Amino acid sequence: MTELPNSQWCAFELKLGANQIDAAVENLLEIQKQSEVDPKSKPPALLCVLCGTANAAYQRADGVFVRQ
């Protein structure tokens, strides 16, 4: 998690293999869901999976960014 100066925050998950991206996305979406339900929390401004296996960057249909 990274907090920005304006109190927005971003959630990142690091994975070593591309075969783990879908599981990481599920985790990030669950964090987002929980923060939307909690009245004391703000949802993350950005969800991103960082994966160290390739040279690609894209945004999935569910809104999660992936940087391989």
Foldseek 3Di string as FASTA:
>chain_A
DAADPVRAAEEEAEDADPVCVVVLVVVLVVQQVVQVPDPVHDGHPAAEYEYDDDQDWDADPVGHIYGD
